[in-house]
């Protein structure tokens, strides 16, 4: 159970870092508390994506993504969300 909580906390941090690296607002995503939750989900999924990419490129079956690959995965996921949903015209 604590590993899930720790993953959510790390995912939130990774999601926030990815959001700082890729600022702006996506169309269709809410703001406020739900936006923070979606940012955490994007961070956790980005860490999984970073683990998959890093494992395919460098590691073996026991590869675990570090901070950099987690952030890269979250940024790639944010870019994919922007590609699918578009960017908001309001700031």
PDB file of N, CA and C in Angstrom:
ATOM      1  N   UNK A   1       0.822  -1.193   0.000  1.00  0.00           N
ATOM      2  CA  UNK A   1       0.000   0.000   0.000  1.00  0.00           C
ATOM      3  C   UNK A   1       0.868   1.259   0.000  1.00  0.00           C
ATOM      4  N   UNK A   2       1.944   1.222   0.779  1.00  0.00           N
ATOM      5  CA  UNK A   2       2.797   2.401   0.827  1.00  0.00           C
ATOM      6  C   UNK A   2       3.508   2.634  -0.495  1.00  0.00           C
ATOM      7  N   UNK A   3       3.749   1.570  -1.254  1.00  0.00           N
ATOM      8  CA  UNK A   3       4.391   1.752  -2.554  1.00  0.00           C
ATOM      9  C   UNK A   3       3.471   2.509  -3.509  1.00  0.00           C
ATOM     10  N   UNK A   4       2.163   2.272  -3.432  1.00  0.00           N
ATOM     11  CA  UNK A   4       1.214   3.017  -4.268  1.00  0.00           C
ATOM     12  C   UNK A   4       1.172   4.486  -3.871  1.00  0.00           C
ATOM     13  N   UNK A   5       1.177   4.746  -2.578  1.00  0.00           N
ATOM     14  CA  UNK A   5       1.174   6.134  -2.098  1.00  0.00           C
ATOM     15  C   UNK A   5       2.466   6.825  -2.517  1.00  0.00           C
ATOM     16  N   UNK A   6       3.596   6.129  -2.371  1.00  0.00           N
ATOM     17  CA  UNK A   6       4.875   6.697  -2.772  1.00  0.00           C
ATOM     18  C   UNK A   6       4.901   6.951  -4.276  1.00  0.00           C
ATOM     19  N   UNK A   7       4.341   6.035  -5.061  1.00  0.00           N
ATOM     20  CA  UNK A   7       4.281   6.218  -6.515  1.00  0.00           C
ATOM     21  C   UNK A   7       3.434   7.428  -6.883  1.00  0.00           C
ATOM     22  N   UNK A   8       2.342   7.640  -6.175  1.00  0.00           N
ATOM     23  CA  UNK A   8       1.502   8.817  -6.446  1.00  0.00           C
ATOM     24  C   UNK A   8       2.224  10.113  -6.091  1.00  0.00           C
ATOM     25  N   UNK A   9       2.961  10.107  -4.989  1.00  0.00           N
ATOM     26  CA  UNK A   9       3.702  11.306  -4.599  1.00  0.00           C
ATOM     27  C   UNK A   9       4.796  11.601  -5.623  1.00  0.00           C
ATOM     28  N   UNK A  10       5.548  10.586  -6.014  1.00  0.00           N
ATOM     29  CA  UNK A  10       6.596  10.768  -7.027  1.00  0.00           C
ATOM     30  C   UNK A  10       5.969  11.172  -8.356  1.00  0.00           C
ATOM     31  N   UNK A  11       4.845  10.559  -8.698  1.00  0.00           N
ATOM     32  CA  UNK A  11       4.151  10.919  -9.927  1.00  0.00           C
ATOM     33  C   UNK A  11       3.682  12.357  -9.938  1.00  0.00           C
ATOM     34  N   UNK A  12       3.214  12.846  -8.793  1.00  0.00           N
ATOM     35  CA  UNK A  12       2.813  14.249  -8.697  1.00  0.00           C
ATOM     36  C   UNK A  12       4.007  15.164  -8.915  1.00  0.00           C
ATOM     37  N   UNK A  13       5.130  14.817  -8.304  1.00  0.00           N
ATOM     38  CA  UNK A  13       6.343  15.632  -8.463  1.00  0.00           C
ATOM     39  C   UNK A  13       6.812  15.605  -9.915  1.00  0.00           C
ATOM     40  N   UNK A  14       6.828  14.416 -10.515  1.00  0.00           N
ATOM     41  CA  UNK A  14       7.244  14.292 -11.915  1.00  0.00           C
ATOM     42  C   UNK A  14       6.275  15.036 -12.823  1.00  0.00           C
ATOM     43  N   UNK A  15       4.983  14.941 -12.559  1.00  0.00           N
ATOM     44  CA  UNK A  15       3.992  15.662 -13.356  1.00  0.00           C
ATOM     45  C   UNK A  15       4.150  17.166 -13.269  1.00  0.00           C
ATOM     46  N   UNK A  16       4.435  17.671 -12.081  1.00  0.00           N
ATOM     47  CA  UNK A  16       4.651  19.113 -11.901  1.00  0.00           C
ATOM     48  C   UNK A  16       5.919  19.562 -12.627  1.00  0.00           C
ATOM     49  N   UNK A  17       6.991  18.768 -12.540  1.00  0.00           N
ATOM     50  CA  UNK A  17       8.225  19.112 -13.246  1.00  0.00           C
ATOM     51  C   UNK A  17       7.992  19.115 -14.746  1.00  0.00           C
ATOM     52  N   UNK A  18       7.260  18.113 -15.238  1.00  0.00           N
ATOM     53  CA  UNK A  18       6.942  18.067 -16.667  1.00  0.00           C
ATOM     54  C   UNK A  18       6.090  19.258 -17.073  1.00  0.00           C
ATOM     55  N   UNK A  19       5.181  19.682 -16.200  1.00  0.00           N
ATOM     56  CA  UNK A  19       4.331  20.840 -16.488  1.00  0.00           C
ATOM     57  C   UNK A  19       5.164  22.123 -16.534  1.00  0.00           C
ATOM     58  N   UNK A  20       6.186  22.224 -15.672  1.00  0.00           N
ATOM     59  CA  UNK A  20       7.073  23.386 -15.724  1.00  0.00           C
ATOM     60  C   UNK A  20       7.905  23.396 -17.006  1.00  0.00           C
ATOM     61  N   UNK A  21       8.327  22.220 -17.450  1.00  0.00           N
ATOM     62  CA  UNK A  21       9.100  22.135 -18.684  1.00  0.00           C
ATOM     63  C   UNK A  21       8.247  22.366 -19.918  1.00  0.00           C
ATOM     64  N   UNK A  22       6.966  22.091 -19.820  1.00  0.00           N
ATOM     65  CA  UNK A  22       6.033  22.219 -20.932  1.00  0.00           C
ATOM     66  C   UNK A  22       4.815  22.998 -20.453  1.00  0.00           C
ATOM     67  N   UNK A  23       4.959  24.324 -20.243  1.00  0.00           N
ATOM     68  CA  UNK A  23       3.858  25.090 -19.673  1.00  0.00           C
ATOM     69  C   UNK A  23       2.724  25.276 -20.674  1.00  0.00           C
ATOM     70  N   UNK A  24       1.613  25.707 -20.164  1.00  0.00           N
ATOM     71  CA  UNK A  24       0.440  25.945 -20.991  1.00  0.00           C
ATOM     72  C   UNK A  24      -0.726  25.136 -20.477  1.00  0.00           C
ATOM     73  N   UNK A  25      -1.850  25.332 -21.109  1.00  0.00           N
ATOM     74  CA  UNK A  25      -3.064  24.645 -20.692  1.00  0.00           C
ATOM     75  C   UNK A  25      -3.624  23.875 -21.873  1.00  0.00           C
ATOM     76  N   UNK A  26      -3.983  22.637 -21.625  1.00  0.00           N
ATOM     77  CA  UNK A  26      -4.575  21.820 -22.654  1.00  0.00           C
ATOM     78  C   UNK A  26      -6.080  22.048 -22.675  1.00  0.00           C
ATOM     79  N   UNK A  27      -6.654  22.062 -23.858  1.00  0.00           N
ATOM     80  CA  UNK A  27      -8.101  22.216 -23.991  1.00  0.00           C
ATOM     81  C   UNK A  27      -8.779  20.955 -23.461  1.00  0.00           C
ATOM     82  N   UNK A  28      -9.811  21.152 -22.707  1.00  0.00           N
ATOM     83  CA  UNK A  28     -10.583  20.013 -22.227  1.00  0.00           C
ATOM     84  C   UNK A  28     -10.163  19.488 -20.868  1.00  0.00           C
ATOM     85  N   UNK A  29      -8.997  19.872 -20.364  1.00  0.00           N
ATOM     86  CA  UNK A  29      -8.587  19.420 -19.039  1.00  0.00           C
ATOM     87  C   UNK A  29      -9.023  20.430 -17.994  1.00  0.00           C
ATOM     88  N   UNK A  30      -9.547  19.962 -16.874  1.00  0.00           N
ATOM     89  CA  UNK A  30     -10.035  20.890 -15.849  1.00  0.00           C
ATOM     90  C   UNK A  30      -8.898  21.538 -15.069  1.00  0.00           C
ATOM     91  N   UNK A  31      -9.249  22.574 -14.339  1.00  0.00           N
ATOM     92  CA  UNK A  31      -8.299  23.232 -13.449  1.00  0.00           C
ATOM     93  C   UNK A  31      -8.686  22.909 -12.013  1.00  0.00           C
ATOM     94  N   UNK A  32      -7.887  23.349 -11.080  1.00  0.00           N
ATOM     95  CA  UNK A  32      -8.190  23.129  -9.674  1.00  0.00           C
ATOM     96  C   UNK A  32      -7.711  21.776  -9.184  1.00  0.00           C
ATOM     97  N   UNK A  33      -8.441  21.222  -8.213  1.00  0.00           N
ATOM     98  CA  UNK A  33      -8.036  19.967  -7.582  1.00  0.00           C
ATOM     99  C   UNK A  33      -8.047  18.806  -8.569  1.00  0.00           C
ATOM    100  N   UNK A  34      -9.015  18.786  -9.466  1.00  0.00           N
ATOM    101  CA  UNK A  34      -9.061  17.717 -10.457  1.00  0.00           C
ATOM    102  C   UNK A  34      -7.898  17.824 -11.436  1.00  0.00           C
ATOM    103  N   UNK A  35      -7.487  19.039 -11.746  1.00  0.00           N
ATOM    104  CA  UNK A  35      -6.319  19.239 -12.599  1.00  0.00           C
ATOM    105  C   UNK A  35      -5.051  18.731 -11.955  1.00  0.00           C
ATOM    106  N   UNK A  36      -4.922  18.922 -10.636  1.00  0.00           N
ATOM    107  CA  UNK A  36      -3.758  18.412  -9.901  1.00  0.00           C
ATOM    108  C   UNK A  36      -3.768  16.888  -9.920  1.00  0.00           C
ATOM    109  N   UNK A  37      -4.937  16.285  -9.767  1.00  0.00           N
ATOM    110  CA  UNK A  37      -5.046  14.834  -9.821  1.00  0.00           C
ATOM    111  C   UNK A  37      -4.677  14.310 -11.203  1.00  0.00           C
ATOM    112  N   UNK A  38      -5.118  14.978 -12.246  1.00  0.00           N
ATOM    113  CA  UNK A  38      -4.772  14.567 -13.603  1.00  0.00           C
ATOM    114  C   UNK A  38      -3.275  14.732 -13.844  1.00  0.00           C
ATOM    115  N   UNK A  39      -2.679  15.791 -13.285  1.00  0.00           N
ATOM    116  CA  UNK A  39      -1.235  15.978 -13.384  1.00  0.00           C
ATOM    117  C   UNK A  39      -0.495  14.827 -12.715  1.00  0.00           C
ATOM    118  N   UNK A  40      -0.994  14.381 -11.560  1.00  0.00           N
ATOM    119  CA  UNK A  40      -0.373  13.242 -10.875  1.00  0.00           C
ATOM    120  C   UNK A  40      -0.503  11.972 -11.705  1.00  0.00           C
ATOM    121  N   UNK A  41      -1.665  11.776 -12.311  1.00  0.00           N
ATOM    122  CA  UNK A  41      -1.864  10.586 -13.147  1.00  0.00           C
ATOM    123  C   UNK A  41      -0.936  10.626 -14.356  1.00  0.00           C
ATOM    124  N   UNK A  42      -0.803  11.799 -14.976  1.00  0.00           N
ATOM    125  CA  UNK A  42       0.115  11.943 -16.108  1.00  0.00           C
ATOM    126  C   UNK A  42       1.548  11.674 -15.658  1.00  0.00           C
ATOM    127  N   UNK A  43       1.911  12.114 -14.460  1.00  0.00           N
ATOM    128  CA  UNK A  43       3.247  11.853 -13.934  1.00  0.00           C
ATOM    129  C   UNK A  43       3.500  10.375 -13.694  1.00  0.00           C
ATOM    130  N   UNK A  44       2.521   9.678 -13.108  1.00  0.00           N
ATOM    131  CA  UNK A  44       2.672   8.246 -12.852  1.00  0.00           C
ATOM    132  C   UNK A  44       2.748   7.480 -14.167  1.00  0.00           C
ATOM    133  N   UNK A  45       1.858   7.800 -15.104  1.00  0.00           N
ATOM    134  CA  UNK A  45       1.892   7.139 -16.409  1.00  0.00           C
ATOM    135  C   UNK A  45       3.167   7.491 -17.170  1.00  0.00           C
ATOM    136  N   UNK A  46       3.656   8.715 -16.991  1.00  0.00           N
ATOM    137  CA  UNK A  46       4.922   9.104 -17.603  1.00  0.00           C
ATOM    138  C   UNK A  46       6.090   8.311 -17.039  1.00  0.00           C
ATOM    139  N   UNK A  47       6.062   8.039 -15.741  1.00  0.00           N
ATOM    140  CA  UNK A  47       7.114   7.213 -15.143  1.00  0.00           C
ATOM    141  C   UNK A  47       7.058   5.798 -15.708  1.00  0.00           C
ATOM    142  N   UNK A  48       5.858   5.272 -15.906  1.00  0.00           N
ATOM    143  CA  UNK A  48       5.738   3.950 -16.525  1.00  0.00           C
ATOM    144  C   UNK A  48       6.238   3.968 -17.961  1.00  0.00           C
ATOM    145  N   UNK A  49       5.900   5.026 -18.692  1.00  0.00           N
ATOM    146  CA  UNK A  49       6.376   5.162 -20.066  1.00  0.00           C
ATOM    147  C   UNK A  49       7.895   5.298 -20.097  1.00  0.00           C
ATOM    148  N   UNK A  50       8.451   6.081 -19.170  1.00  0.00           N
ATOM    149  CA  UNK A  50       9.904   6.220 -19.072  1.00  0.00           C
ATOM    150  C   UNK A  50      10.577   4.904 -18.741  1.00  0.00           C
ATOM    151  N   UNK A  51       9.961   4.097 -17.885  1.00  0.00           N
ATOM    152  CA  UNK A  51      10.499   2.777 -17.571  1.00  0.00           C
ATOM    153  C   UNK A  51      10.501   1.886 -18.806  1.00  0.00           C
ATOM    154  N   UNK A  52       9.418   1.932 -19.584  1.00  0.00           N
ATOM    155  CA  UNK A  52       9.332   1.125 -20.797  1.00  0.00           C
ATOM    156  C   UNK A  52      10.385   1.551 -21.819  1.00  0.00           C
ATOM    157  N   UNK A  53      10.516   2.869 -22.033  1.00  0.00           N
ATOM    158  CA  UNK A  53      11.490   3.369 -23.009  1.00  0.00           C
ATOM    159  C   UNK A  53      12.915   3.058 -22.563  1.00  0.00           C
ATOM    160  N   UNK A  54      13.218   3.344 -21.298  1.00  0.00           N
ATOM    161  CA  UNK A  54      14.558   3.072 -20.785  1.00  0.00           C
ATOM    162  C   UNK A  54      14.892   1.593 -20.773  1.00  0.00           C
ATOM    163  N   UNK A  55      13.915   0.766 -20.445  1.00  0.00           N
ATOM    164  CA  UNK A  55      14.143  -0.675 -20.468  1.00  0.00           C
ATOM    165  C   UNK A  55      14.382  -1.194 -21.868  1.00  0.00           C
ATOM    166  N   UNK A  56      13.692  -0.606 -22.842  1.00  0.00           N
ATOM    167  CA  UNK A  56      13.878  -1.040 -24.225  1.00  0.00           C
ATOM    168  C   UNK A  56      15.234  -0.584 -24.769  1.00  0.00           C
ATOM    169  N   UNK A  57      15.700   0.575 -24.343  1.00  0.00           N
ATOM    170  CA  UNK A  57      16.948   1.113 -24.868  1.00  0.00           C
ATOM    171  C   UNK A  57      18.183   0.615 -24.120  1.00  0.00           C
ATOM    172  N   UNK A  58      18.135   0.630 -22.785  1.00  0.00           N
ATOM    173  CA  UNK A  58      19.345   0.373 -22.000  1.00  0.00           C
ATOM    174  C   UNK A  58      19.249  -0.806 -21.065  1.00  0.00           C
ATOM    175  N   UNK A  59      18.112  -0.992 -20.466  1.00  0.00           N
ATOM    176  CA  UNK A  59      18.023  -1.965 -19.386  1.00  0.00           C
ATOM    177  C   UNK A  59      17.493  -3.307 -19.812  1.00  0.00           C
ATOM    178  N   UNK A  60      17.400  -4.138 -18.838  1.00  0.00           N
ATOM    179  CA  UNK A  60      16.848  -5.462 -19.067  1.00  0.00           C
ATOM    180  C   UNK A  60      15.442  -5.529 -18.495  1.00  0.00           C
ATOM    181  N   UNK A  61      15.093  -6.697 -18.017  1.00  0.00           N
ATOM    182  CA  UNK A  61      13.747  -6.887 -17.508  1.00  0.00           C
ATOM    183  C   UNK A  61      13.529  -6.255 -16.137  1.00  0.00           C
ATOM    184  N   UNK A  62      14.580  -5.976 -15.387  1.00  0.00           N
ATOM    185  CA  UNK A  62      14.446  -5.376 -14.064  1.00  0.00           C
ATOM    186  C   UNK A  62      14.777  -3.888 -14.062  1.00  0.00           C
ATOM    187  N   UNK A  63      14.685  -3.233 -15.210  1.00  0.00           N
ATOM    188  CA  UNK A  63      15.009  -1.816 -15.300  1.00  0.00           C
ATOM    189  C   UNK A  63      13.914  -0.998 -14.620  1.00  0.00           C
ATOM    190  N   UNK A  64      14.309  -0.035 -13.816  1.00  0.00           N
ATOM    191  CA  UNK A  64      13.382   0.904 -13.190  1.00  0.00           C
ATOM    192  C   UNK A  64      13.804   2.309 -13.590  1.00  0.00           C
ATOM    193  N   UNK A  65      12.845   3.102 -14.014  1.00  0.00           N
ATOM    194  CA  UNK A  65      13.150   4.452 -14.486  1.00  0.00           C
ATOM    195  C   UNK A  65      13.614   5.330 -13.337  1.00  0.00           C
ATOM    196  N   UNK A  66      14.593   6.154 -13.627  1.00  0.00           N
ATOM    197  CA  UNK A  66      15.019   7.158 -12.674  1.00  0.00           C
ATOM    198  C   UNK A  66      14.221   8.434 -12.894  1.00  0.00           C
ATOM    199  N   UNK A  67      14.652   9.480 -12.248  1.00  0.00           N
ATOM    200  CA  UNK A  67      13.935  10.744 -12.349  1.00  0.00           C
ATOM    201  C   UNK A  67      13.918  11.276 -13.782  1.00  0.00           C
ATOM    202  N   UNK A  68      15.056  11.209 -14.457  1.00  0.00           N
ATOM    203  CA  UNK A  68      15.141  11.811 -15.789  1.00  0.00           C
ATOM    204  C   UNK A  68      14.232  11.089 -16.770  1.00  0.00           C
ATOM    205  N   UNK A  69      14.282   9.769 -16.790  1.00  0.00           N
ATOM    206  CA  UNK A  69      13.420   9.030 -17.712  1.00  0.00           C
ATOM    207  C   UNK A  69      11.949   9.178 -17.332  1.00  0.00           C
ATOM    208  N   UNK A  70      11.637   9.314 -16.049  1.00  0.00           N
ATOM    209  CA  UNK A  70      10.257   9.547 -15.643  1.00  0.00           C
ATOM    210  C   UNK A  70       9.762  10.891 -16.158  1.00  0.00           C
ATOM    211  N   UNK A  71      10.610  11.910 -16.067  1.00  0.00           N
ATOM    212  CA  UNK A  71      10.234  13.242 -16.555  1.00  0.00           C
ATOM    213  C   UNK A  71      10.110  13.232 -18.068  1.00  0.00           C
ATOM    214  N   UNK A  72      11.033  12.541 -18.752  1.00  0.00           N
ATOM    215  CA  UNK A  72      10.943  12.440 -20.209  1.00  0.00           C
ATOM    216  C   UNK A  72       9.640  11.748 -20.612  1.00  0.00           C
ATOM    217  N   UNK A  73       9.294  10.681 -19.916  1.00  0.00           N
ATOM    218  CA  UNK A  73       8.039   9.990 -20.205  1.00  0.00           C
ATOM    219  C   UNK A  73       6.830  10.870 -19.964  1.00  0.00           C
ATOM    220  N   UNK A  74       6.835  11.666 -18.874  1.00  0.00           N
ATOM    221  CA  UNK A  74       5.711  12.556 -18.583  1.00  0.00           C
ATOM    222  C   UNK A  74       5.608  13.676 -19.615  1.00  0.00           C
ATOM    223  N   UNK A  75       6.743  14.214 -20.059  1.00  0.00           N
ATOM    224  CA  UNK A  75       6.722  15.256 -21.094  1.00  0.00           C
ATOM    225  C   UNK A  75       6.181  14.682 -22.402  1.00  0.00           C
ATOM    226  N   UNK A  76       6.616  13.470 -22.758  1.00  0.00           N
ATOM    227  CA  UNK A  76       6.093  12.832 -23.960  1.00  0.00           C
ATOM    228  C   UNK A  76       4.591  12.596 -23.853  1.00  0.00           C
ATOM    229  N   UNK A  77       4.143  12.206 -22.677  1.00  0.00           N
ATOM    230  CA  UNK A  77       2.714  11.997 -22.472  1.00  0.00           C
ATOM    231  C   UNK A  77       1.936  13.307 -22.549  1.00  0.00           C
ATOM    232  N   UNK A  78       2.492  14.389 -22.003  1.00  0.00           N
ATOM    233  CA  UNK A  78       1.844  15.698 -22.123  1.00  0.00           C
ATOM    234  C   UNK A  78       1.771  16.150 -23.576  1.00  0.00           C
ATOM    235  N   UNK A  79       2.837  15.905 -24.325  1.00  0.00           N
ATOM    236  CA  UNK A  79       2.812  16.241 -25.754  1.00  0.00           C
ATOM    237  C   UNK A  79       1.740  15.435 -26.486  1.00  0.00           C
ATOM    238  N   UNK A  80       1.594  14.177 -26.114  1.00  0.00           N
ATOM    239  CA  UNK A  80       0.560  13.347 -26.728  1.00  0.00           C
ATOM    240  C   UNK A  80      -0.840  13.855 -26.370  1.00  0.00           C
ATOM    241  N   UNK A  81      -1.031  14.271 -25.113  1.00  0.00           N
ATOM    242  CA  UNK A  81      -2.323  14.828 -24.701  1.00  0.00           C
ATOM    243  C   UNK A  81      -2.614  16.105 -25.476  1.00  0.00           C
ATOM    244  N   UNK A  82      -1.606  16.946 -25.659  1.00  0.00           N
ATOM    245  CA  UNK A  82      -1.802  18.175 -26.439  1.00  0.00           C
ATOM    246  C   UNK A  82      -2.092  17.873 -27.900  1.00  0.00           C
ATOM    247  N   UNK A  83      -1.464  16.850 -28.433  1.00  0.00           N
ATOM    248  CA  UNK A  83      -1.707  16.475 -29.818  1.00  0.00           C
ATOM    249  C   UNK A  83      -3.144  15.997 -30.005  1.00  0.00           C
ATOM    250  N   UNK A  84      -3.636  15.217 -29.052  1.00  0.00           N
ATOM    251  CA  UNK A  84      -4.983  14.667 -29.155  1.00  0.00           C
ATOM    252  C   UNK A  84      -6.049  15.714 -28.822  1.00  0.00           C
ATOM    253  N   UNK A  85      -5.866  16.454 -27.737  1.00  0.00           N
ATOM    254  CA  UNK A  85      -6.900  17.381 -27.265  1.00  0.00           C
ATOM    255  C   UNK A  85      -6.729  18.801 -27.775  1.00  0.00           C
ATOM    256  N   UNK A  86      -5.544  19.162 -28.210  1.00  0.00           N
ATOM    257  CA  UNK A  86      -5.298  20.522 -28.651  1.00  0.00           C
ATOM    258  C   UNK A  86      -4.938  21.427 -27.487  1.00  0.00           C
ATOM    259  N   UNK A  87      -4.553  22.640 -27.834  1.00  0.00           N
ATOM    260  CA  UNK A  87      -4.199  23.633 -26.820  1.00  0.00           C
ATOM    261  C   UNK A  87      -5.317  24.623 -26.657  1.00  0.00           C
ATOM    262  N   UNK A  88      -5.450  25.133 -25.469  1.00  0.00           N
ATOM    263  CA  UNK A  88      -6.476  26.135 -25.181  1.00  0.00           C
ATOM    264  C   UNK A  88      -6.013  27.479 -25.715  1.00  0.00           C
ATOM    265  N   UNK A  89      -6.944  28.274 -26.223  1.00  0.00           N
ATOM    266  CA  UNK A  89      -6.594  29.586 -26.736  1.00  0.00           C
ATOM    267  C   UNK A  89      -6.598  30.641 -25.632  1.00  0.00           C
ATOM    268  N   UNK A  90      -7.180  30.351 -24.471  1.00  0.00           N
ATOM    269  CA  UNK A  90      -7.180  31.286 -23.366  1.00  0.00           C
ATOM    270  C   UNK A  90      -6.030  30.963 -22.442  1.00  0.00           C
ATOM    271  N   UNK A  91      -5.569  31.966 -21.705  1.00  0.00           N
ATOM    272  CA  UNK A  91      -4.457  31.753 -20.774  1.00  0.00           C
ATOM    273  C   UNK A  91      -4.931  31.792 -19.357  1.00  0.00           C
TER     274      UNK A  91
END
